[in-house]
Amino acid sequence: MDRHPIGDFTEISLEKIKEMADANTVVGQAITTDDGITIIPVSKVSLGLGAGGADFSKQTSKDNNFGVGSASGVTITPIAFLIVKDGSVRLLNIATPAVSTVERLVEMAPDLIDKISQLVDKYSGKDTEF
């Protein structure tokens, strides 16, 4: 079976988006200051892609008439900086604080899971202190 043009079109679009939003976009290049402090930017990347096409060849003529359209978007939002100084690492959060209760719960979930896990380990005889 012949490859349809929409497959090529979608593949090229996804490759271009992948080039824009690679791992270096999420965790940026380190910046070292004169006094030895290293600053690493951290960003949130949101991607969206929509594509569609129509094959008119069967309806109008024997020619391969094909139409395609697409839209894509990339949003890169800085959310934090990792600051490395004298062997210690600190996270400086610059993202807007959670507004709704649901957003706060989502932000608190990782810490809550860690605390519950430590409690369970403590009472089951496992010691997981770092």
C-alpha atoms as a PDB file:
ATOM      1  CA  MET A   1       0.000   0.000   0.000  1.00  0.00           C
ATOM      2  CA  ASP A   2       1.316   3.451  -0.931  1.00  0.00           C
ATOM      3  CA  ARG A   3       2.173   5.870   1.824  1.00  0.00           C
ATOM      4  CA  HIS A   4      -0.383   8.663   2.097  1.00  0.00           C
ATOM      5  CA  PRO A   5       0.851  12.306   2.117  1.00  0.00           C
ATOM      6  CA  ILE A   6      -0.797  13.089   5.482  1.00  0.00           C
ATOM      7  CA  GLY A   7       1.585  10.618   7.141  1.00  0.00           C
ATOM      8  CA  ASP A   8       4.588  12.501   5.795  1.00  0.00           C
ATOM      9  CA  PHE A   9       3.051  15.844   6.723  1.00  0.00           C
ATOM     10  CA  THR A  10       2.309  14.770  10.306  1.00  0.00           C
ATOM     11  CA  GLU A  11       5.739  13.189  10.701  1.00  0.00           C
ATOM     12  CA  ILE A  12       7.520  16.363   9.552  1.00  0.00           C
ATOM     13  CA  SER A  13       5.374  18.519  11.872  1.00  0.00           C
ATOM     14  CA  LEU A  14       6.134  16.330  14.886  1.00  0.00           C
ATOM     15  CA  GLU A  15       9.866  16.358  14.119  1.00  0.00           C
ATOM     16  CA  LYS A  16       9.891  20.172  14.003  1.00  0.00           C
ATOM     17  CA  ILE A  17       8.038  20.387  17.324  1.00  0.00           C
ATOM     18  CA  LYS A  18      10.438  17.865  18.863  1.00  0.00           C
ATOM     19  CA  GLU A  19      13.359  20.051  17.773  1.00  0.00           C
ATOM     20  CA  MET A  20      11.832  23.072  19.530  1.00  0.00           C
ATOM     21  CA  ALA A  21      11.032  21.316  22.814  1.00  0.00           C
ATOM     22  CA  ASP A  22      13.889  18.996  23.685  1.00  0.00           C
ATOM     23  CA  ALA A  23      15.294  18.271  27.142  1.00  0.00           C
ATOM     24  CA  ASN A  24      17.521  21.360  26.946  1.00  0.00           C
ATOM     25  CA  THR A  25      14.387  23.486  26.787  1.00  0.00           C
ATOM     26  CA  VAL A  26      13.015  22.057  30.046  1.00  0.00           C
ATOM     27  CA  VAL A  27      16.313  22.149  31.947  1.00  0.00           C
ATOM     28  CA  GLY A  28      18.329  24.970  30.418  1.00  0.00           C
ATOM     29  CA  GLN A  29      22.045  25.513  30.153  1.00  0.00           C
ATOM     30  CA  ALA A  30      23.881  26.236  33.380  1.00  0.00           C
ATOM     31  CA  ILE A  31      25.050  29.783  34.009  1.00  0.00           C
ATOM     32  CA  THR A  32      28.068  30.195  36.281  1.00  0.00           C
ATOM     33  CA  THR A  33      28.685  33.526  37.972  1.00  0.00           C
ATOM     34  CA  ASP A  34      32.075  35.007  38.866  1.00  0.00           C
ATOM     35  CA  ASP A  35      31.675  34.027  42.530  1.00  0.00           C
ATOM     36  CA  GLY A  36      31.131  30.317  41.686  1.00  0.00           C
ATOM     37  CA  ILE A  37      27.341  30.126  41.896  1.00  0.00           C
ATOM     38  CA  THR A  38      25.724  28.006  39.188  1.00  0.00           C
ATOM     39  CA  ILE A  39      22.172  28.851  38.091  1.00  0.00           C
ATOM     40  CA  ILE A  40      20.157  26.355  36.019  1.00  0.00           C
ATOM     41  CA  PRO A  41      16.806  27.496  34.583  1.00  0.00           C
ATOM     42  CA  VAL A  42      13.867  25.048  34.670  1.00  0.00           C
ATOM     43  CA  SER A  43      10.834  25.546  32.413  1.00  0.00           C
ATOM     44  CA  LYS A  44       7.479  23.933  31.739  1.00  0.00           C
ATOM     45  CA  VAL A  45       6.830  23.087  28.080  1.00  0.00           C
ATOM     46  CA  SER A  46       3.303  22.612  26.730  1.00  0.00           C
ATOM     47  CA  LEU A  47       2.767  21.347  23.202  1.00  0.00           C
ATOM     48  CA  GLY A  48      -0.280  21.078  21.006  1.00  0.00           C
ATOM     49  CA  LEU A  49      -0.733  19.811  17.456  1.00  0.00           C
ATOM     50  CA  GLY A  50      -3.805  19.378  15.307  1.00  0.00           C
ATOM     51  CA  ALA A  51      -3.854  18.229  11.697  1.00  0.00           C
ATOM     52  CA  GLY A  52      -6.422  17.112   9.214  1.00  0.00           C
ATOM     53  CA  GLY A  53      -6.677  16.332   5.571  1.00  0.00           C
ATOM     54  CA  ALA A  54      -8.977  15.231   2.810  1.00  0.00           C
ATOM     55  CA  ASP A  55      -8.378  13.057  -0.225  1.00  0.00           C
ATOM     56  CA  PHE A  56     -10.492  14.286  -3.165  1.00  0.00           C
ATOM     57  CA  SER A  57      -9.120  11.931  -5.821  1.00  0.00           C
ATOM     58  CA  LYS A  58     -11.951   9.387  -5.625  1.00  0.00           C
ATOM     59  CA  GLN A  59     -14.675  12.034  -5.757  1.00  0.00           C
ATOM     60  CA  THR A  60     -13.529  14.355  -8.546  1.00  0.00           C
ATOM     61  CA  SER A  61     -11.003  12.738 -10.883  1.00  0.00           C
ATOM     62  CA  LYS A  62      -8.232  10.207 -11.269  1.00  0.00           C
ATOM     63  CA  ASP A  63      -5.662  12.763 -10.104  1.00  0.00           C
ATOM     64  CA  ASN A  64      -4.296  12.615  -6.590  1.00  0.00           C
ATOM     65  CA  ASN A  65      -5.937  15.742  -5.197  1.00  0.00           C
ATOM     66  CA  PHE A  66      -5.177  16.156  -1.549  1.00  0.00           C
ATOM     67  CA  GLY A  67      -5.685  18.956   0.961  1.00  0.00           C
ATOM     68  CA  VAL A  68      -4.185  19.277   4.417  1.00  0.00           C
ATOM     69  CA  GLY A  69      -4.155  21.806   7.204  1.00  0.00           C
ATOM     70  CA  SER A  70      -2.481  21.947  10.562  1.00  0.00           C
ATOM     71  CA  ALA A  71      -1.961  24.092  13.601  1.00  0.00           C
ATOM     72  CA  SER A  72       0.539  23.752  16.378  1.00  0.00           C
ATOM     73  CA  GLY A  73       1.612  25.657  19.405  1.00  0.00           C
ATOM     74  CA  VAL A  74       4.413  25.579  21.939  1.00  0.00           C
ATOM     75  CA  THR A  75       4.382  27.399  25.256  1.00  0.00           C
ATOM     76  CA  ILE A  76       7.547  27.619  27.324  1.00  0.00           C
ATOM     77  CA  THR A  77       7.025  28.953  30.846  1.00  0.00           C
ATOM     78  CA  PRO A  78       9.943  29.477  33.256  1.00  0.00           C
ATOM     79  CA  ILE A  79       8.996  27.947  36.610  1.00  0.00           C
ATOM     80  CA  ALA A  80      12.153  27.710  38.709  1.00  0.00           C
ATOM     81  CA  PHE A  81      15.911  28.021  38.999  1.00  0.00           C
ATOM     82  CA  LEU A  82      18.273  25.460  40.507  1.00  0.00           C
ATOM     83  CA  ILE A  83      20.981  27.301  42.420  1.00  0.00           C
ATOM     84  CA  VAL A  84      24.182  25.391  43.162  1.00  0.00           C
ATOM     85  CA  LYS A  85      26.476  27.030  45.719  1.00  0.00           C
ATOM     86  CA  ASP A  86      29.254  25.467  47.782  1.00  0.00           C
ATOM     87  CA  GLY A  87      28.067  21.922  47.022  1.00  0.00           C
ATOM     88  CA  SER A  88      24.448  22.499  48.043  1.00  0.00           C
ATOM     89  CA  VAL A  89      21.479  22.806  45.692  1.00  0.00           C
ATOM     90  CA  ARG A  90      18.480  25.043  46.274  1.00  0.00           C
ATOM     91  CA  LEU A  91      15.309  25.359  44.198  1.00  0.00           C
ATOM     92  CA  LEU A  92      14.060  28.903  43.674  1.00  0.00           C
ATOM     93  CA  ASN A  93      10.447  28.587  42.546  1.00  0.00           C
ATOM     94  CA  ILE A  94       9.217  31.475  40.379  1.00  0.00           C
ATOM     95  CA  ALA A  95       5.955  29.947  39.167  1.00  0.00           C
ATOM     96  CA  THR A  96       2.738  31.629  40.183  1.00  0.00           C
ATOM     97  CA  PRO A  97       1.336  30.145  43.375  1.00  0.00           C
ATOM     98  CA  ALA A  98      -1.634  27.810  43.245  1.00  0.00           C
ATOM     99  CA  VAL A  99      -4.930  29.662  43.188  1.00  0.00           C
ATOM    100  CA  SER A 100      -7.508  26.933  43.683  1.00  0.00           C
ATOM    101  CA  THR A 101      -7.735  24.160  46.245  1.00  0.00           C
ATOM    102  CA  VAL A 102      -7.282  21.525  43.554  1.00  0.00           C
ATOM    103  CA  GLU A 103      -4.036  23.159  42.360  1.00  0.00           C
ATOM    104  CA  ARG A 104      -2.748  23.248  45.940  1.00  0.00           C
ATOM    105  CA  LEU A 105      -3.587  19.561  46.435  1.00  0.00           C
ATOM    106  CA  VAL A 106      -1.754  18.640  43.230  1.00  0.00           C
ATOM    107  CA  GLU A 107       1.312  20.606  44.378  1.00  0.00           C
ATOM    108  CA  MET A 108       1.226  18.969  47.822  1.00  0.00           C
ATOM    109  CA  ALA A 109       0.728  15.394  46.557  1.00  0.00           C
ATOM    110  CA  PRO A 110       4.426  14.402  46.143  1.00  0.00           C
ATOM    111  CA  ASP A 111       5.355  15.609  49.651  1.00  0.00           C
ATOM    112  CA  LEU A 112       2.278  13.966  51.147  1.00  0.00           C
ATOM    113  CA  ILE A 113       3.086  10.634  49.473  1.00  0.00           C
ATOM    114  CA  ASP A 114       6.679  10.814  50.770  1.00  0.00           C
ATOM    115  CA  LYS A 115       5.506  11.509  54.324  1.00  0.00           C
ATOM    116  CA  ILE A 116       2.948   8.679  54.246  1.00  0.00           C
ATOM    117  CA  SER A 117       5.585   6.323  52.836  1.00  0.00           C
ATOM    118  CA  GLN A 118       8.033   7.283  55.608  1.00  0.00           C
ATOM    119  CA  LEU A 119       5.329   6.761  58.236  1.00  0.00           C
ATOM    120  CA  VAL A 120       4.459   3.319  56.868  1.00  0.00           C
ATOM    121  CA  ASP A 121       8.139   2.365  56.715  1.00  0.00           C
ATOM    122  CA  LYS A 122       8.679   3.622  60.267  1.00  0.00           C
ATOM    123  CA  TYR A 123       5.852   1.532  61.690  1.00  0.00           C
ATOM    124  CA  SER A 124       6.686  -1.541  59.606  1.00  0.00           C
ATOM    125  CA  GLY A 125      10.272  -1.609  60.883  1.00  0.00           C
ATOM    126  CA  LYS A 126      11.963  -0.236  57.771  1.00  0.00           C
ATOM    127  CA  ASP A 127      14.073   2.847  58.266  1.00  0.00           C
ATOM    128  CA  THR A 128      14.390   4.955  55.106  1.00  0.00           C
ATOM    129  CA  GLU A 129      15.952   8.124  56.530  1.00  0.00           C
ATOM    130  CA  PHE A 130      18.480   9.678  54.177  1.00  0.00           C
END
